[in-house]
Amino acid sequence: MDKIALQKAVEKEIKGAQAKISLYIKNLKTGEVLFRYKEDLQVVSASIIKVLIMVTALEEIQKGALSKDTLISVTESTILEDSEVFEYGKREYTLDEILVWMIINSDNTATNCLIDLLTMDKINQTCKKLNLKSTKLERKMLDFNAVKIGFNNYTSAMDMCELYKSLYDQSILSEELCDYAVSILLRQRDKQNSMRYIPDDIKAAHKTGGLDFLNHDAGIFYLGESDYYFGAFVWEAPDDVYGRKWIGRVSKMVYEYYK
């Protein structure tokens, strides 16, 4: 499939979508934008926002305010019902372990512990530093009361590209910390979106996000000469699986084009 055929195929997927879509695909080696569709649109971020939280924590490590070995107390009252990795009772975990669980397992308890540690203000300062115009953190994970009164977390396909590109170019943190961030993202356990229909064993440093009728996936696909950013955001879908399948179909076409 050549470039024009791919673009037509993606346009067909967008026109036929039974949901709202935002999409941005960029070759990180050449800077060429392969496809864009409402990439600047601000959307509810779901767990995609956790990459920003990780970067903020790593900035604190770089400044010397924290270290990977910093101990974080996780008490019984802070453990959310959806956690699969934290045991009840007061325990301490290293910042390294909290970061890993937040990304690879998308653990919301780990995320809220980091929001408490870093503060929302500091996380949003990172947004401004990176010029992420559509991204902001307004609530903790699973705080649906905050949603009811008008607070939420937001981002865009373009903003996520800027964030991932800063890790790829190693322009936001030291080389060591950028490599560390990517090493965690490469261990992402949710393979039901962009990786859904790709049979090959490939390197993808990415993060997914999901809520009712909403699925997102964004990150870096490493193909050597054609490393690329893929960011697909789907919301107001007819069910909770529709977005995963839509993202999977488009991701496979893009992967096969670059491959």
C-alpha atoms as a PDB file:
ATOM      1  CA  MET A   1       0.000   0.000   0.000  1.00  0.00           C
ATOM      2  CA  ASP A   2       1.459   3.351  -1.028  1.00  0.00           C
ATOM      3  CA  LYS A   3       0.973   6.654   0.784  1.00  0.00           C
ATOM      4  CA  ILE A   4      -2.035   7.831  -1.220  1.00  0.00           C
ATOM      5  CA  ALA A   5      -3.794   4.466  -0.884  1.00  0.00           C
ATOM      6  CA  LEU A   6      -3.170   4.464   2.851  1.00  0.00           C
ATOM      7  CA  GLN A   7      -4.508   7.986   3.276  1.00  0.00           C
ATOM      8  CA  LYS A   8      -7.644   7.076   1.335  1.00  0.00           C
ATOM      9  CA  ALA A   9      -8.120   3.952   3.451  1.00  0.00           C
ATOM     10  CA  VAL A  10      -7.787   5.952   6.674  1.00  0.00           C
ATOM     11  CA  GLU A  11     -10.192   8.606   5.363  1.00  0.00           C
ATOM     12  CA  LYS A  12     -12.689   5.827   4.643  1.00  0.00           C
ATOM     13  CA  GLU A  13     -12.354   4.548   8.209  1.00  0.00           C
ATOM     14  CA  ILE A  14     -12.989   8.056   9.560  1.00  0.00           C
ATOM     15  CA  LYS A  15     -16.010   8.683   7.330  1.00  0.00           C
ATOM     16  CA  GLY A  16     -17.522   5.359   8.336  1.00  0.00           C
ATOM     17  CA  ALA A  17     -16.803   5.760  12.044  1.00  0.00           C
ATOM     18  CA  GLN A  18     -19.728   5.544  14.456  1.00  0.00           C
ATOM     19  CA  ALA A  19     -17.830   7.685  16.947  1.00  0.00           C
ATOM     20  CA  LYS A  20     -15.873  10.900  17.223  1.00  0.00           C
ATOM     21  CA  ILE A  21     -12.265  10.638  16.056  1.00  0.00           C
ATOM     22  CA  SER A  22      -8.968  12.470  16.430  1.00  0.00           C
ATOM     23  CA  LEU A  23      -5.862  11.123  14.703  1.00  0.00           C
ATOM     24  CA  TYR A  24      -2.243  12.139  14.190  1.00  0.00           C
ATOM     25  CA  ILE A  25       0.508  10.092  12.570  1.00  0.00           C
ATOM     26  CA  LYS A  26       4.048  11.401  12.123  1.00  0.00           C
ATOM     27  CA  ASN A  27       7.377   9.971  11.001  1.00  0.00           C
ATOM     28  CA  LEU A  28       9.744  10.864  13.842  1.00  0.00           C
ATOM     29  CA  LYS A  29      12.831  10.328  11.691  1.00  0.00           C
ATOM     30  CA  THR A  30      11.884  12.684   8.850  1.00  0.00           C
ATOM     31  CA  GLY A  31       9.265  14.893  10.488  1.00  0.00           C
ATOM     32  CA  GLU A  32       6.750  14.056   7.750  1.00  0.00           C
ATOM     33  CA  VAL A  33       3.115  14.091   8.882  1.00  0.00           C
ATOM     34  CA  LEU A  34       1.493  11.060   7.291  1.00  0.00           C
ATOM     35  CA  PHE A  35      -2.053  11.827   8.419  1.00  0.00           C
ATOM     36  CA  ARG A  36      -3.866  14.348  10.559  1.00  0.00           C
ATOM     37  CA  TYR A  37      -7.498  14.698  11.530  1.00  0.00           C
ATOM     38  CA  LYS A  38      -8.680  17.069  14.255  1.00  0.00           C
ATOM     39  CA  GLU A  39      -5.308  16.568  15.929  1.00  0.00           C
ATOM     40  CA  ASP A  40      -5.592  19.781  17.950  1.00  0.00           C
ATOM     41  CA  LEU A  41      -9.006  18.950  19.352  1.00  0.00           C
ATOM     42  CA  GLN A  42      -9.048  18.846  23.158  1.00  0.00           C
ATOM     43  CA  VAL A  43     -10.471  15.545  24.363  1.00  0.00           C
ATOM     44  CA  VAL A  44     -10.952  13.816  27.716  1.00  0.00           C
ATOM     45  CA  SER A  45      -7.624  12.103  28.250  1.00  0.00           C
ATOM     46  CA  ALA A  46      -8.485   9.053  30.377  1.00  0.00           C
ATOM     47  CA  SER A  47      -5.240   7.248  31.311  1.00  0.00           C
ATOM     48  CA  ILE A  48      -3.199   8.819  28.510  1.00  0.00           C
ATOM     49  CA  ILE A  49      -2.513  11.654  30.997  1.00  0.00           C
ATOM     50  CA  LYS A  50      -0.352   9.269  33.030  1.00  0.00           C
ATOM     51  CA  VAL A  51       2.571   9.757  30.651  1.00  0.00           C
ATOM     52  CA  LEU A  52       2.640  13.431  31.611  1.00  0.00           C
ATOM     53  CA  ILE A  53       2.586  12.498  35.308  1.00  0.00           C
ATOM     54  CA  MET A  54       5.540  10.164  34.768  1.00  0.00           C
ATOM     55  CA  VAL A  55       7.525  12.872  32.973  1.00  0.00           C
ATOM     56  CA  THR A  56       6.837  15.295  35.819  1.00  0.00           C
ATOM     57  CA  ALA A  57       8.130  12.760  38.357  1.00  0.00           C
ATOM     58  CA  LEU A  58      11.265  12.242  36.288  1.00  0.00           C
ATOM     59  CA  GLU A  59      11.852  15.990  36.174  1.00  0.00           C
ATOM     60  CA  GLU A  60      11.881  15.922  39.979  1.00  0.00           C
ATOM     61  CA  ILE A  61      14.415  13.085  39.886  1.00  0.00           C
ATOM     62  CA  GLN A  62      16.586  15.089  37.498  1.00  0.00           C
ATOM     63  CA  LYS A  63      16.469  18.079  39.854  1.00  0.00           C
ATOM     64  CA  GLY A  64      17.453  15.862  42.781  1.00  0.00           C
ATOM     65  CA  ALA A  65      14.206  16.405  44.692  1.00  0.00           C
ATOM     66  CA  LEU A  66      13.305  12.724  44.328  1.00  0.00           C
ATOM     67  CA  SER A  67      15.041   9.491  43.402  1.00  0.00           C
ATOM     68  CA  LYS A  68      13.889   6.177  41.973  1.00  0.00           C
ATOM     69  CA  ASP A  69      14.347   4.780  45.482  1.00  0.00           C
ATOM     70  CA  THR A  70      12.164   7.391  47.199  1.00  0.00           C
ATOM     71  CA  LEU A  71       9.669   5.518  49.372  1.00  0.00           C
ATOM     72  CA  ILE A  72       5.966   6.269  48.945  1.00  0.00           C
ATOM     73  CA  SER A  73       3.445   5.163  51.533  1.00  0.00           C
ATOM     74  CA  VAL A  74       0.319   3.474  50.164  1.00  0.00           C
ATOM     75  CA  THR A  75      -2.279   3.202  52.913  1.00  0.00           C
ATOM     76  CA  GLU A  76      -5.430   1.141  52.904  1.00  0.00           C
ATOM     77  CA  SER A  77      -7.587   4.241  52.502  1.00  0.00           C
ATOM     78  CA  THR A  78      -5.789   5.212  49.274  1.00  0.00           C
ATOM     79  CA  ILE A  79      -6.156   1.838  47.541  1.00  0.00           C
ATOM     80  CA  LEU A  80      -8.874   1.944  44.879  1.00  0.00           C
ATOM     81  CA  GLU A  81     -11.107  -1.048  44.199  1.00  0.00           C
ATOM     82  CA  ASP A  82      -9.749  -1.570  40.685  1.00  0.00           C
ATOM     83  CA  SER A  83      -6.135  -2.017  41.812  1.00  0.00           C
ATOM     84  CA  GLU A  84      -4.569  -5.361  40.910  1.00  0.00           C
ATOM     85  CA  VAL A  85      -1.138  -4.745  42.396  1.00  0.00           C
ATOM     86  CA  PHE A  86      -1.495  -3.211  45.851  1.00  0.00           C
ATOM     87  CA  GLU A  87      -2.227  -5.215  48.999  1.00  0.00           C
ATOM     88  CA  TYR A  88      -4.370  -3.830  51.794  1.00  0.00           C
ATOM     89  CA  GLY A  89      -2.581  -2.492  54.820  1.00  0.00           C
ATOM     90  CA  LYS A  90      -0.014   0.285  55.037  1.00  0.00           C
ATOM     91  CA  ARG A  91       2.974  -0.483  52.845  1.00  0.00           C
ATOM     92  CA  GLU A  92       5.815   1.441  51.258  1.00  0.00           C
ATOM     93  CA  TYR A  93       6.854   1.203  47.630  1.00  0.00           C
ATOM     94  CA  THR A  94       9.711   2.820  45.745  1.00  0.00           C
ATOM     95  CA  LEU A  95       8.954   5.577  43.269  1.00  0.00           C
ATOM     96  CA  ASP A  96      10.314   3.268  40.561  1.00  0.00           C
ATOM     97  CA  GLU A  97       7.684   0.631  41.347  1.00  0.00           C
ATOM     98  CA  ILE A  98       4.870   3.194  41.544  1.00  0.00           C
ATOM     99  CA  LEU A  99       5.840   4.606  38.138  1.00  0.00           C
ATOM    100  CA  VAL A 100       5.997   1.171  36.555  1.00  0.00           C
ATOM    101  CA  TRP A 101       2.559   0.123  37.821  1.00  0.00           C
ATOM    102  CA  MET A 102       1.013   3.430  36.765  1.00  0.00           C
ATOM    103  CA  ILE A 103       2.151   2.907  33.168  1.00  0.00           C
ATOM    104  CA  ILE A 104       2.289  -0.803  32.399  1.00  0.00           C
ATOM    105  CA  ASN A 105      -0.811  -1.761  34.381  1.00  0.00           C
ATOM    106  CA  SER A 106      -2.441   1.685  34.300  1.00  0.00           C
ATOM    107  CA  ASP A 107      -2.942   1.391  38.042  1.00  0.00           C
ATOM    108  CA  ASN A 108      -5.080   4.242  39.344  1.00  0.00           C
ATOM    109  CA  THR A 109      -3.952   3.890  42.964  1.00  0.00           C
ATOM    110  CA  ALA A 110      -0.337   4.410  41.876  1.00  0.00           C
ATOM    111  CA  THR A 111      -1.424   7.407  39.801  1.00  0.00           C
ATOM    112  CA  ASN A 112      -3.262   9.096  42.665  1.00  0.00           C
ATOM    113  CA  CYS A 113      -0.277   8.560  44.970  1.00  0.00           C
ATOM    114  CA  LEU A 114       1.900  10.364  42.434  1.00  0.00           C
ATOM    115  CA  ILE A 115      -0.587  13.211  42.058  1.00  0.00           C
ATOM    116  CA  ASP A 116      -0.465  13.658  45.842  1.00  0.00           C
ATOM    117  CA  LEU A 117       3.339  13.536  45.825  1.00  0.00           C
ATOM    118  CA  LEU A 118       3.877  15.888  42.888  1.00  0.00           C
ATOM    119  CA  THR A 119       0.733  18.095  43.154  1.00  0.00           C
ATOM    120  CA  MET A 120      -1.547  19.005  40.290  1.00  0.00           C
ATOM    121  CA  ASP A 121       0.061  22.430  40.016  1.00  0.00           C
ATOM    122  CA  LYS A 122       3.492  20.954  39.337  1.00  0.00           C
ATOM    123  CA  ILE A 123       2.100  18.503  36.780  1.00  0.00           C
ATOM    124  CA  ASN A 124       0.310  21.328  34.975  1.00  0.00           C
ATOM    125  CA  GLN A 125       3.508  23.390  35.062  1.00  0.00           C
ATOM    126  CA  THR A 126       5.097  20.605  33.023  1.00  0.00           C
ATOM    127  CA  CYS A 127       2.297  21.088  30.470  1.00  0.00           C
ATOM    128  CA  LYS A 128       3.203  24.753  30.134  1.00  0.00           C
ATOM    129  CA  LYS A 129       6.915  23.992  29.934  1.00  0.00           C
ATOM    130  CA  LEU A 130       6.290  21.626  27.030  1.00  0.00           C
ATOM    131  CA  ASN A 131       3.758  23.989  25.428  1.00  0.00           C
ATOM    132  CA  LEU A 132       1.016  21.363  25.610  1.00  0.00           C
ATOM    133  CA  LYS A 133      -1.870  23.664  24.797  1.00  0.00           C
ATOM    134  CA  SER A 134      -4.739  21.191  25.223  1.00  0.00           C
ATOM    135  CA  THR A 135      -3.429  19.143  28.147  1.00  0.00           C
ATOM    136  CA  LYS A 136      -4.337  19.680  31.788  1.00  0.00           C
ATOM    137  CA  LEU A 137      -4.927  17.668  34.941  1.00  0.00           C
ATOM    138  CA  GLU A 138      -7.976  18.694  36.979  1.00  0.00           C
ATOM    139  CA  ARG A 139      -8.884  15.577  38.940  1.00  0.00           C
ATOM    140  CA  LYS A 140      -7.583  12.330  40.390  1.00  0.00           C
ATOM    141  CA  MET A 141      -8.305   8.962  38.845  1.00  0.00           C
ATOM    142  CA  LEU A 142     -11.822   7.592  39.384  1.00  0.00           C
ATOM    143  CA  ASP A 143     -12.953  10.856  40.997  1.00  0.00           C
ATOM    144  CA  PHE A 144     -16.312  10.919  39.259  1.00  0.00           C
ATOM    145  CA  ASN A 145     -17.714  13.444  41.709  1.00  0.00           C
ATOM    146  CA  ALA A 146     -15.189  15.907  40.297  1.00  0.00           C
ATOM    147  CA  VAL A 147     -16.441  15.083  36.803  1.00  0.00           C
ATOM    148  CA  LYS A 148     -20.022  15.812  37.859  1.00  0.00           C
ATOM    149  CA  ILE A 149     -19.110  19.327  38.930  1.00  0.00           C
ATOM    150  CA  GLY A 150     -17.129  20.050  35.761  1.00  0.00           C
ATOM    151  CA  PHE A 151     -13.543  18.929  36.361  1.00  0.00           C
ATOM    152  CA  ASN A 152     -11.728  16.483  34.101  1.00  0.00           C
ATOM    153  CA  ASN A 153      -8.384  15.647  32.514  1.00  0.00           C
ATOM    154  CA  TYR A 154      -7.692  16.621  28.908  1.00  0.00           C
ATOM    155  CA  THR A 155      -5.187  16.290  26.088  1.00  0.00           C
ATOM    156  CA  SER A 156      -4.984  16.096  22.281  1.00  0.00           C
ATOM    157  CA  ALA A 157      -3.362  13.887  19.665  1.00  0.00           C
ATOM    158  CA  MET A 158      -0.964  16.715  18.833  1.00  0.00           C
ATOM    159  CA  ASP A 159      -0.015  17.330  22.456  1.00  0.00           C
ATOM    160  CA  MET A 160       0.758  13.674  22.977  1.00  0.00           C
ATOM    161  CA  CYS A 161       2.951  13.731  19.889  1.00  0.00           C
ATOM    162  CA  GLU A 162       4.911  16.664  21.346  1.00  0.00           C
ATOM    163  CA  LEU A 163       5.305  14.824  24.654  1.00  0.00           C
ATOM    164  CA  TYR A 164       6.468  11.579  23.065  1.00  0.00           C
ATOM    165  CA  LYS A 165       8.725  13.424  20.628  1.00  0.00           C
ATOM    166  CA  SER A 166      10.441  15.148  23.573  1.00  0.00           C
ATOM    167  CA  LEU A 167      11.245  11.691  24.945  1.00  0.00           C
ATOM    168  CA  TYR A 168      12.288  10.422  21.529  1.00  0.00           C
ATOM    169  CA  ASP A 169      14.575  13.423  20.916  1.00  0.00           C
ATOM    170  CA  GLN A 170      15.724  13.339  24.562  1.00  0.00           C
ATOM    171  CA  SER A 171      15.033  17.064  24.787  1.00  0.00           C
ATOM    172  CA  ILE A 172      12.962  17.158  27.988  1.00  0.00           C
ATOM    173  CA  LEU A 173      15.118  15.044  30.322  1.00  0.00           C
ATOM    174  CA  SER A 174      18.605  13.594  30.479  1.00  0.00           C
ATOM    175  CA  GLU A 175      19.414  10.765  28.072  1.00  0.00           C
ATOM    176  CA  GLU A 176      19.322   8.309  30.975  1.00  0.00           C
ATOM    177  CA  LEU A 177      15.890   9.422  32.193  1.00  0.00           C
ATOM    178  CA  CYS A 178      14.397   9.538  28.688  1.00  0.00           C
ATOM    179  CA  ASP A 179      15.632   5.981  28.139  1.00  0.00           C
ATOM    180  CA  TYR A 180      14.155   5.014  31.502  1.00  0.00           C
ATOM    181  CA  ALA A 181      10.745   6.486  30.584  1.00  0.00           C
ATOM    182  CA  VAL A 182      10.740   4.706  27.240  1.00  0.00           C
ATOM    183  CA  SER A 183      11.777   1.419  28.885  1.00  0.00           C
ATOM    184  CA  ILE A 184       8.658   1.584  31.051  1.00  0.00           C
ATOM    185  CA  LEU A 185       6.367   2.511  28.151  1.00  0.00           C
ATOM    186  CA  LEU A 186       7.726  -0.434  26.148  1.00  0.00           C
ATOM    187  CA  ARG A 187       6.344  -2.752  28.840  1.00  0.00           C
ATOM    188  CA  GLN A 188       2.755  -1.588  28.358  1.00  0.00           C
ATOM    189  CA  ARG A 189       0.494  -4.592  28.978  1.00  0.00           C
ATOM    190  CA  ASP A 190      -2.628  -3.393  27.182  1.00  0.00           C
ATOM    191  CA  LYS A 191      -2.341  -4.755  23.636  1.00  0.00           C
ATOM    192  CA  GLN A 192      -6.009  -4.412  22.674  1.00  0.00           C
ATOM    193  CA  ASN A 193      -5.794  -1.097  20.804  1.00  0.00           C
ATOM    194  CA  SER A 194      -2.944  -0.163  18.454  1.00  0.00           C
ATOM    195  CA  MET A 195      -1.350  -3.615  18.789  1.00  0.00           C
ATOM    196  CA  ARG A 196      -4.625  -5.510  18.410  1.00  0.00           C
ATOM    197  CA  TYR A 197      -4.188  -6.795  14.842  1.00  0.00           C
ATOM    198  CA  ILE A 198      -0.403  -6.622  14.466  1.00  0.00           C
ATOM    199  CA  PRO A 199       1.001 -10.176  14.550  1.00  0.00           C
ATOM    200  CA  ASP A 200       4.661  -9.176  14.649  1.00  0.00           C
ATOM    201  CA  ASP A 201       6.734  -8.786  17.800  1.00  0.00           C
ATOM    202  CA  ILE A 202       7.511  -5.080  17.564  1.00  0.00           C
ATOM    203  CA  LYS A 203       8.727  -2.321  19.870  1.00  0.00           C
ATOM    204  CA  ALA A 204       6.043   0.165  20.810  1.00  0.00           C
ATOM    205  CA  ALA A 205       6.438   2.639  23.672  1.00  0.00           C
ATOM    206  CA  HIS A 206       2.838   3.646  24.180  1.00  0.00           C
ATOM    207  CA  LYS A 207       0.032   4.265  26.659  1.00  0.00           C
ATOM    208  CA  THR A 208      -3.640   3.477  26.338  1.00  0.00           C
ATOM    209  CA  GLY A 209      -6.650   5.096  27.950  1.00  0.00           C
ATOM    210  CA  GLY A 210     -10.209   3.948  28.350  1.00  0.00           C
ATOM    211  CA  LEU A 211     -13.515   5.070  29.830  1.00  0.00           C
ATOM    212  CA  ASP A 212     -17.114   4.286  28.968  1.00  0.00           C
ATOM    213  CA  PHE A 213     -17.471   4.534  25.175  1.00  0.00           C
ATOM    214  CA  LEU A 214     -13.941   5.945  24.903  1.00  0.00           C
ATOM    215  CA  ASN A 215     -10.597   4.437  23.886  1.00  0.00           C
ATOM    216  CA  HIS A 216      -7.280   6.137  23.171  1.00  0.00           C
ATOM    217  CA  ASP A 217      -3.796   4.923  22.312  1.00  0.00           C
ATOM    218  CA  ALA A 218      -0.695   6.987  21.596  1.00  0.00           C
ATOM    219  CA  GLY A 219       3.011   6.340  21.442  1.00  0.00           C
ATOM    220  CA  ILE A 220       6.153   5.589  19.490  1.00  0.00           C
ATOM    221  CA  PHE A 221       6.524   2.643  17.126  1.00  0.00           C
ATOM    222  CA  TYR A 222      10.163   1.707  16.589  1.00  0.00           C
ATOM    223  CA  LEU A 223      10.817   0.380  13.088  1.00  0.00           C
ATOM    224  CA  GLY A 224      14.425   1.473  12.673  1.00  0.00           C
ATOM    225  CA  GLU A 225      14.441   3.705   9.613  1.00  0.00           C
ATOM    226  CA  SER A 226      10.774   4.611  10.075  1.00  0.00           C
ATOM    227  CA  ASP A 227      10.142   5.251  13.750  1.00  0.00           C
ATOM    228  CA  TYR A 228       6.757   6.924  13.969  1.00  0.00           C
ATOM    229  CA  TYR A 229       4.243   8.445  16.344  1.00  0.00           C
ATOM    230  CA  PHE A 230       0.723   7.043  16.253  1.00  0.00           C
ATOM    231  CA  GLY A 231      -2.013   8.775  18.224  1.00  0.00           C
ATOM    232  CA  ALA A 232      -5.638   7.684  17.836  1.00  0.00           C
ATOM    233  CA  PHE A 233      -8.478   8.968  20.025  1.00  0.00           C
ATOM    234  CA  VAL A 234     -12.030   7.588  19.835  1.00  0.00           C
ATOM    235  CA  TRP A 235     -14.962   8.676  21.985  1.00  0.00           C
ATOM    236  CA  GLU A 236     -18.767   8.677  22.035  1.00  0.00           C
ATOM    237  CA  ALA A 237     -18.577   5.187  20.547  1.00  0.00           C
ATOM    238  CA  PRO A 238     -21.535   2.770  20.518  1.00  0.00           C
ATOM    239  CA  ASP A 239     -19.836   0.464  23.050  1.00  0.00           C
ATOM    240  CA  ASP A 240     -16.596  -0.007  24.982  1.00  0.00           C
ATOM    241  CA  VAL A 241     -14.927  -2.226  22.362  1.00  0.00           C
ATOM    242  CA  TYR A 242     -15.698  -0.267  19.215  1.00  0.00           C
ATOM    243  CA  GLY A 243     -12.844   2.192  19.749  1.00  0.00           C
ATOM    244  CA  ARG A 244     -10.327  -0.557  20.403  1.00  0.00           C
ATOM    245  CA  LYS A 245     -11.180  -2.267  17.106  1.00  0.00           C
ATOM    246  CA  TRP A 246     -11.204   0.996  15.160  1.00  0.00           C
ATOM    247  CA  ILE A 247      -7.795   1.959  16.501  1.00  0.00           C
ATOM    248  CA  GLY A 248      -6.521  -1.553  15.802  1.00  0.00           C
ATOM    249  CA  ARG A 249      -7.570  -1.478  12.155  1.00  0.00           C
ATOM    250  CA  VAL A 250      -6.006   1.899  11.455  1.00  0.00           C
ATOM    251  CA  SER A 251      -2.859   1.064  13.398  1.00  0.00           C
ATOM    252  CA  LYS A 252      -2.308  -2.117  11.396  1.00  0.00           C
ATOM    253  CA  MET A 253      -2.597  -0.236   8.096  1.00  0.00           C
ATOM    254  CA  VAL A 254      -0.114   2.394   9.256  1.00  0.00           C
ATOM    255  CA  TYR A 255       2.306  -0.237  10.551  1.00  0.00           C
ATOM    256  CA  GLU A 256       2.193  -2.179   7.287  1.00  0.00           C
ATOM    257  CA  TYR A 257       2.817   1.027   5.323  1.00  0.00           C
ATOM    258  CA  TYR A 258       5.904   1.930   7.353  1.00  0.00           C
ATOM    259  CA  LYS A 259       7.094  -1.680   7.502  1.00  0.00           C
END
